[in-house]
Amino acid sequence: MPKVKTHSRAKKTFNVTGTGKIRRYKAFKSHLLTKKSKSRKRHLRIHGLVHKSNEPLVKRMLGLR
């Protein structure tokens, strides 16, 4: 059987925590930042977690079980 390849963007975007949850970056923080408030941009800095329903897909992209 061939090796399972890791999705290149997924390995740069997601991190696995010590408890096995998958951490993600929040969207809407890449451009057009002048119109967004300071508090909104500050809240976007905080990492979020991948929803349970999407975890199997992300784990498969990362090459995990």
N, C-alpha and C. Protein backbone atom coordinates (compact mmCIF):
# COMPACT_ATOMS: atom_id res chain seq x y z
N MET A 1 0.82 -1.19 0.00
CA MET A 1 0.00 0.00 0.00
C MET A 1 0.86 1.25 0.00
N PRO A 2 0.47 2.29 -0.75
CA PRO A 2 1.30 3.49 -0.78
C PRO A 2 1.19 4.29 0.51
N LYS A 3 2.17 5.15 0.69
CA LYS A 3 2.15 6.02 1.87
C LYS A 3 1.04 7.05 1.74
N VAL A 4 0.51 7.49 2.87
CA VAL A 4 -0.51 8.54 2.88
C VAL A 4 0.21 9.88 2.91
N LYS A 5 -0.11 10.73 1.95
CA LYS A 5 0.55 12.03 1.88
C LYS A 5 -0.22 13.05 2.71
N THR A 6 0.53 13.93 3.35
CA THR A 6 -0.05 15.00 4.15
C THR A 6 -0.45 16.14 3.23
N HIS A 7 -1.60 16.75 3.49
CA HIS A 7 -2.05 17.91 2.73
C HIS A 7 -1.16 19.09 3.11
N SER A 8 -0.53 19.72 2.11
CA SER A 8 0.50 20.73 2.38
C SER A 8 -0.05 21.94 3.13
N ARG A 9 -1.24 22.40 2.77
CA ARG A 9 -1.80 23.57 3.45
C ARG A 9 -2.25 23.21 4.86
N ALA A 10 -2.74 21.99 5.04
CA ALA A 10 -3.24 21.59 6.36
C ALA A 10 -2.11 21.53 7.37
N LYS A 11 -0.94 21.08 6.98
CA LYS A 11 0.15 20.99 7.94
C LYS A 11 0.66 22.36 8.36
N LYS A 12 0.42 23.40 7.52
CA LYS A 12 0.80 24.75 7.88
C LYS A 12 -0.28 25.46 8.69
N THR A 13 -1.52 24.99 8.61
CA THR A 13 -2.66 25.70 9.19
C THR A 13 -3.08 25.14 10.53
N PHE A 14 -3.08 23.83 10.68
CA PHE A 14 -3.61 23.20 11.89
C PHE A 14 -2.50 22.65 12.78
N ASN A 15 -2.74 22.68 14.10
CA ASN A 15 -1.84 22.07 15.07
C ASN A 15 -2.65 21.13 15.95
N VAL A 16 -2.03 20.04 16.37
CA VAL A 16 -2.69 19.10 17.27
C VAL A 16 -2.25 19.42 18.70
N THR A 17 -3.23 19.56 19.61
CA THR A 17 -2.91 19.85 21.01
C THR A 17 -2.51 18.56 21.72
N GLY A 18 -2.10 18.69 22.95
CA GLY A 18 -1.69 17.52 23.72
C GLY A 18 -2.83 16.56 24.00
N THR A 19 -4.07 17.08 24.06
CA THR A 19 -5.21 16.22 24.32
C THR A 19 -5.82 15.64 23.05
N GLY A 20 -5.24 15.98 21.87
CA GLY A 20 -5.72 15.41 20.62
C GLY A 20 -6.69 16.29 19.86
N LYS A 21 -7.02 17.46 20.41
CA LYS A 21 -7.89 18.38 19.69
C LYS A 21 -7.06 19.10 18.63
N ILE A 22 -7.75 19.66 17.63
CA ILE A 22 -7.05 20.32 16.54
C ILE A 22 -7.29 21.82 16.64
N ARG A 23 -6.19 22.56 16.69
CA ARG A 23 -6.26 24.01 16.82
C ARG A 23 -6.20 24.64 15.45
N ARG A 24 -6.95 25.73 15.24
CA ARG A 24 -6.99 26.40 13.94
C ARG A 24 -6.82 27.90 14.14
N TYR A 25 -6.46 28.57 13.06
CA TYR A 25 -6.41 30.02 13.05
C TYR A 25 -7.77 30.55 12.63
N LYS A 26 -8.13 31.73 13.09
CA LYS A 26 -9.41 32.33 12.73
C LYS A 26 -9.30 33.03 11.39
N ALA A 27 -10.40 33.08 10.67
CA ALA A 27 -10.44 33.71 9.36
C ALA A 27 -10.61 35.23 9.49
N PHE A 28 -10.53 35.92 8.36
CA PHE A 28 -10.76 37.36 8.26
C PHE A 28 -9.68 38.19 8.95
N LYS A 29 -8.45 37.73 8.97
CA LYS A 29 -7.36 38.48 9.61
C LYS A 29 -6.21 38.69 8.64
N SER A 30 -6.45 38.55 7.34
CA SER A 30 -5.34 38.62 6.40
C SER A 30 -5.24 39.96 5.67
N HIS A 31 -6.35 40.60 5.35
CA HIS A 31 -6.29 41.88 4.64
C HIS A 31 -7.54 42.69 4.95
N LEU A 32 -7.57 43.93 4.49
CA LEU A 32 -8.66 44.88 4.76
C LEU A 32 -8.83 45.08 6.26
N LEU A 33 -7.72 45.31 6.95
CA LEU A 33 -7.75 45.39 8.40
C LEU A 33 -8.05 46.80 8.92
N THR A 34 -7.99 47.81 8.05
CA THR A 34 -8.19 49.18 8.53
C THR A 34 -9.62 49.44 8.95
N LYS A 35 -10.56 48.77 8.33
CA LYS A 35 -11.97 49.00 8.67
C LYS A 35 -12.44 48.17 9.87
N LYS A 36 -11.63 47.23 10.31
CA LYS A 36 -12.02 46.38 11.44
C LYS A 36 -11.54 47.01 12.74
N SER A 37 -12.34 46.86 13.76
CA SER A 37 -12.01 47.49 15.05
C SER A 37 -10.85 46.76 15.72
N LYS A 38 -10.22 47.47 16.67
CA LYS A 38 -9.10 46.87 17.40
C LYS A 38 -9.53 45.62 18.15
N SER A 39 -10.70 45.70 18.78
CA SER A 39 -11.16 44.55 19.58
C SER A 39 -11.46 43.35 18.68
N ARG A 40 -12.01 43.62 17.51
CA ARG A 40 -12.30 42.53 16.58
C ARG A 40 -11.01 41.84 16.13
N LYS A 41 -10.00 42.65 15.80
CA LYS A 41 -8.72 42.07 15.37
C LYS A 41 -8.03 41.34 16.52
N ARG A 42 -8.19 41.84 17.74
CA ARG A 42 -7.60 41.20 18.90
C ARG A 42 -8.24 39.84 19.15
N HIS A 43 -9.56 39.76 18.99
CA HIS A 43 -10.26 38.48 19.18
C HIS A 43 -9.91 37.48 18.07
N LEU A 44 -9.57 37.98 16.89
CA LEU A 44 -9.20 37.09 15.79
C LEU A 44 -7.81 36.49 15.99
N ARG A 45 -7.00 37.10 16.87
CA ARG A 45 -5.67 36.55 17.14
C ARG A 45 -5.73 35.25 17.93
N ILE A 46 -6.77 35.07 18.72
CA ILE A 46 -6.90 33.90 19.59
C ILE A 46 -7.23 32.69 18.74
N HIS A 47 -6.53 31.59 18.97
CA HIS A 47 -6.77 30.37 18.22
C HIS A 47 -8.13 29.78 18.58
N GLY A 48 -8.75 29.13 17.61
CA GLY A 48 -9.98 28.41 17.86
C GLY A 48 -9.72 26.92 17.72
N LEU A 49 -10.75 26.13 17.97
CA LEU A 49 -10.66 24.68 17.80
C LEU A 49 -11.54 24.25 16.63
N VAL A 50 -11.11 23.22 15.94
CA VAL A 50 -11.91 22.66 14.85
C VAL A 50 -13.12 21.97 15.45
N HIS A 51 -14.28 22.17 14.82
CA HIS A 51 -15.51 21.55 15.31
C HIS A 51 -15.43 20.03 15.20
N LYS A 52 -16.14 19.36 16.11
CA LYS A 52 -16.10 17.89 16.16
C LYS A 52 -16.49 17.24 14.84
N SER A 53 -17.45 17.85 14.14
CA SER A 53 -17.90 17.25 12.89
C SER A 53 -16.85 17.35 11.78
N ASN A 54 -15.92 18.30 11.89
CA ASN A 54 -14.88 18.45 10.88
C ASN A 54 -13.56 17.79 11.26
N GLU A 55 -13.45 17.31 12.49
CA GLU A 55 -12.20 16.71 12.94
C GLU A 55 -11.75 15.51 12.10
N PRO A 56 -12.63 14.57 11.72
CA PRO A 56 -12.15 13.44 10.90
C PRO A 56 -11.55 13.88 9.58
N LEU A 57 -12.12 14.90 8.95
CA LEU A 57 -11.59 15.39 7.67
C LEU A 57 -10.21 15.99 7.85
N VAL A 58 -10.05 16.82 8.88
CA VAL A 58 -8.77 17.48 9.11
C VAL A 58 -7.71 16.46 9.52
N LYS A 59 -8.09 15.49 10.34
CA LYS A 59 -7.13 14.45 10.74
C LYS A 59 -6.67 13.64 9.54
N ARG A 60 -7.59 13.39 8.61
CA ARG A 60 -7.20 12.66 7.41
C ARG A 60 -6.24 13.48 6.56
N MET A 61 -6.47 14.81 6.49
CA MET A 61 -5.55 15.67 5.73
C MET A 61 -4.18 15.74 6.39
N LEU A 62 -4.14 15.62 7.72
CA LEU A 62 -2.86 15.67 8.43
C LEU A 62 -2.15 14.32 8.46
N GLY A 63 -2.81 13.29 7.97
CA GLY A 63 -2.20 11.96 7.97
C GLY A 63 -2.34 11.25 9.30
N LEU A 64 -3.27 11.71 10.15
CA LEU A 64 -3.52 11.06 11.43
C LEU A 64 -4.65 10.06 11.25
N ARG A 65 -4.88 9.24 12.27
CA ARG A 65 -5.96 8.25 12.16
C ARG A 65 -7.31 8.86 12.26
